[in-house]
């Protein structure tokens, strides 16, 4: 993975009509994985949608593969479910 600093919107994909969403920054990304800080109540194996473009042109669904808590902050690692996602590492 590469350090990227890409602003995105992350939405938790849950049933029941709940719309948990936040603006954050991808800290590291590759074509299959990304890491970002989050305040959402995400845990291992949760599903999320990551959007770079608010019009939906650059978006990807992903599964949470790791959560790390440190000094009151939470880092979330995700794996993209559709395979390669190269828009994450493009300027």
Protein backbone atom coordinates (compact mmCIF):
# COMPACT_ATOMS: atom_id res chain seq x y z
CA UNK A 1 0.00 0.00 0.00
CA UNK A 2 0.99 3.59 -0.59
CA UNK A 3 0.44 6.71 1.51
CA UNK A 4 -2.27 8.59 -0.40
CA UNK A 5 -4.27 11.16 1.70
CA UNK A 6 -7.43 10.88 -0.47
CA UNK A 7 -10.61 12.54 0.89
CA UNK A 8 -13.59 10.17 0.75
CA UNK A 9 -17.06 9.52 2.14
CA UNK A 10 -17.52 6.19 3.92
CA UNK A 11 -20.97 4.70 4.47
CA UNK A 12 -21.75 1.62 6.56
CA UNK A 13 -23.89 -0.77 4.52
CA UNK A 14 -26.39 -2.11 7.01
CA UNK A 15 -29.96 -3.23 6.82
CA UNK A 16 -32.82 -1.49 8.54
CA UNK A 17 -32.48 1.77 6.64
CA UNK A 18 -29.78 3.21 8.91
CA UNK A 19 -27.55 5.70 7.11
CA UNK A 20 -24.24 5.80 8.97
CA UNK A 21 -21.87 7.97 6.94
CA UNK A 22 -18.80 10.14 7.48
CA UNK A 23 -16.19 12.16 5.64
CA UNK A 24 -12.65 10.90 6.22
CA UNK A 25 -9.31 10.54 4.46
CA UNK A 26 -7.76 7.38 3.09
CA UNK A 27 -4.35 7.31 4.74
CA UNK A 28 -2.98 4.33 2.81
CA UNK A 29 -4.39 2.52 -0.23
CA UNK A 30 -3.59 -0.03 -2.85
CA UNK A 31 -5.58 -1.64 -5.61
CA UNK A 32 -7.21 -4.13 -3.19
CA UNK A 33 -7.03 -2.52 0.29
CA UNK A 34 -7.29 0.82 2.07
CA UNK A 35 -6.77 2.18 5.60
CA UNK A 36 -8.60 5.17 7.09
CA UNK A 37 -9.48 6.66 10.48
CA UNK A 38 -13.13 6.34 11.42
CA UNK A 39 -15.66 7.28 14.08
CA UNK A 40 -18.31 4.94 12.66
CA UNK A 41 -19.20 1.87 14.76
CA UNK A 42 -17.39 -0.50 12.38
CA UNK A 43 -16.16 -3.95 13.32
CA UNK A 44 -14.53 -6.89 11.55
CA UNK A 45 -16.52 -8.19 8.56
CA UNK A 46 -18.80 -5.11 8.31
CA UNK A 47 -19.52 -3.87 4.79
CA UNK A 48 -18.88 -0.27 3.70
CA UNK A 49 -19.03 1.86 0.59
CA UNK A 50 -16.09 4.20 -0.08
CA UNK A 51 -16.78 7.15 -2.41
CA UNK A 52 -14.23 9.59 -3.75
CA UNK A 53 -16.66 11.38 -6.05
CA UNK A 54 -19.97 12.55 -4.54
CA UNK A 55 -21.68 11.80 -7.88
CA UNK A 56 -20.80 8.10 -7.44
CA UNK A 57 -18.35 7.87 -10.35
CA UNK A 58 -15.51 6.66 -8.12
CA UNK A 59 -16.88 4.32 -5.50
CA UNK A 60 -16.17 0.85 -4.21
CA UNK A 61 -17.78 -1.57 -1.78
CA UNK A 62 -15.46 -3.15 0.75
CA UNK A 63 -15.35 -5.46 3.77
CA UNK A 64 -13.66 -4.50 7.03
CA UNK A 65 -10.68 -6.83 7.53
CA UNK A 66 -9.08 -5.18 10.60
CA UNK A 67 -9.82 -2.56 13.25
CA UNK A 68 -7.09 -1.06 15.45
CA UNK A 69 -7.86 1.11 18.47
CA UNK A 70 -5.09 3.40 19.75
CA UNK A 71 -5.28 6.38 22.10
CA UNK A 72 -8.97 7.04 21.45
CA UNK A 73 -8.70 6.72 17.66
CA UNK A 74 -9.74 3.87 15.39
CA UNK A 75 -8.00 2.81 12.18
CA UNK A 76 -9.99 0.64 9.81
CA UNK A 77 -8.54 -1.58 7.08
CA UNK A 78 -10.83 -2.70 4.27
CA UNK A 79 -10.58 -5.06 1.31
CA UNK A 80 -12.45 -4.11 -1.86
CA UNK A 81 -15.07 -6.70 -2.79
CA UNK A 82 -15.01 -6.10 -6.57
CA UNK A 83 -11.28 -6.83 -6.86
CA UNK A 84 -8.87 -4.21 -8.14
CA UNK A 85 -9.75 -0.61 -7.37
CA UNK A 86 -7.05 1.59 -8.91
CA UNK A 87 -8.83 4.96 -8.54
CA UNK A 88 -7.78 4.97 -4.87
CA UNK A 89 -4.12 5.51 -5.76
CA UNK A 90 -4.58 7.95 -8.65
CA UNK A 91 -4.01 11.66 -7.96
